Protein backbone atom coordinates (compact mmCIF):
# COMPACT_ATOMS: atom_id res chain seq x y z
CA UNK A 1 110.15 84.90 123.47
CA UNK A 2 110.71 84.30 119.78
CA UNK A 3 113.06 86.59 117.90
CA UNK A 4 112.74 86.61 114.14
CA UNK A 5 115.93 87.27 112.26
CA UNK A 6 114.28 87.70 108.95
CA UNK A 7 111.24 89.71 108.02
CA UNK A 8 108.27 87.72 106.87
CA UNK A 9 107.81 87.62 103.10
CA UNK A 10 105.91 90.61 101.67
CA UNK A 11 102.60 89.29 100.40
CA UNK A 12 101.08 92.67 99.79
CA UNK A 13 99.49 93.01 103.19
CA UNK A 14 96.18 94.89 103.46
CA UNK A 15 96.62 96.47 100.01
CA UNK A 16 96.48 92.96 98.41
CA UNK A 17 93.41 92.07 100.50
CA UNK A 18 91.68 95.34 99.58
CA UNK A 19 92.43 94.76 95.88
CA UNK A 20 91.01 91.21 96.05
CA UNK A 21 87.92 92.36 97.84
CA UNK A 22 87.43 95.09 95.29
CA UNK A 23 87.68 92.60 92.44
CA UNK A 24 84.69 90.69 93.79
CA UNK A 25 82.65 93.70 94.70
CA UNK A 26 83.10 93.45 98.47
CA UNK A 27 85.36 96.47 98.94
CA UNK A 28 83.05 97.84 101.64
CA UNK A 29 84.54 95.22 103.98
CA UNK A 30 88.20 96.30 103.73
CA UNK A 31 88.16 98.20 107.04
CA UNK A 32 86.47 95.27 108.77
CA UNK A 33 89.03 92.78 107.42
CA UNK A 34 91.81 95.08 108.57
CA UNK A 35 90.35 95.64 112.07
CA UNK A 36 89.88 91.96 112.58
CA UNK A 37 93.44 91.17 111.48
CA UNK A 38 92.65 89.51 108.17
CA UNK A 39 95.51 91.19 106.34
CA UNK A 40 97.27 88.21 104.84
CA UNK A 41 96.18 87.39 101.37
CA UNK A 42 97.92 84.01 101.26
CA UNK A 43 96.17 83.00 104.51
CA UNK A 44 92.82 84.09 103.13
CA UNK A 45 93.31 82.33 99.82
CA UNK A 46 93.94 79.09 101.75
CA UNK A 47 90.67 79.11 103.67
CA UNK A 48 87.97 76.52 103.05
CA UNK A 49 84.23 77.30 103.07
CA UNK A 50 83.81 76.78 106.80
CA UNK A 51 86.72 79.02 107.58
CA UNK A 52 85.42 81.72 105.16
CA UNK A 53 82.08 81.56 107.04
CA UNK A 54 83.99 82.36 110.23
CA UNK A 55 85.59 85.35 108.55
CA UNK A 56 82.20 86.49 107.24
CA UNK A 57 80.87 86.50 110.81
CA UNK A 58 83.94 88.18 112.28
CA UNK A 59 83.81 90.99 109.68
CA UNK A 60 80.10 91.56 109.92
CA UNK A 61 79.54 90.37 106.40
CA UNK A 62 76.89 87.98 107.60
CA UNK A 63 74.52 90.95 108.14
CA UNK A 64 74.07 90.84 104.37
CA UNK A 65 73.43 87.21 103.44
CA UNK A 66 74.10 87.81 99.75
CA UNK A 67 77.56 89.18 100.45
CA UNK A 68 78.34 86.45 102.95
CA UNK A 69 77.08 83.74 100.57
CA UNK A 70 79.25 85.04 97.73
CA UNK A 71 82.34 85.18 99.96
CA UNK A 72 81.74 81.79 101.50
CA UNK A 73 81.01 80.03 98.26
CA UNK A 74 83.65 81.67 96.02
CA UNK A 75 86.22 83.38 98.21
CA UNK A 76 88.24 85.65 95.97
CA UNK A 77 87.30 83.54 92.86
CA UNK A 78 84.82 84.56 90.23
CA UNK A 79 81.23 83.46 90.71
């Protein structure tokens, strides 16, 4: 069992993810990102297109191809 002596750095948690999703018009997926454990903005920012496609599927975003396409192509960047 691993015991951490220091708390992980505060990267804003779900609030930072919610803010980033809101900036790109995908705020309706905040609850899905949270329920699937995608609550680390630094992790999400480091994903490549293939990994973002996996997140789109896991969060149900792929039910709306326009939303999924935007997320996969641009991530949290501006289109």
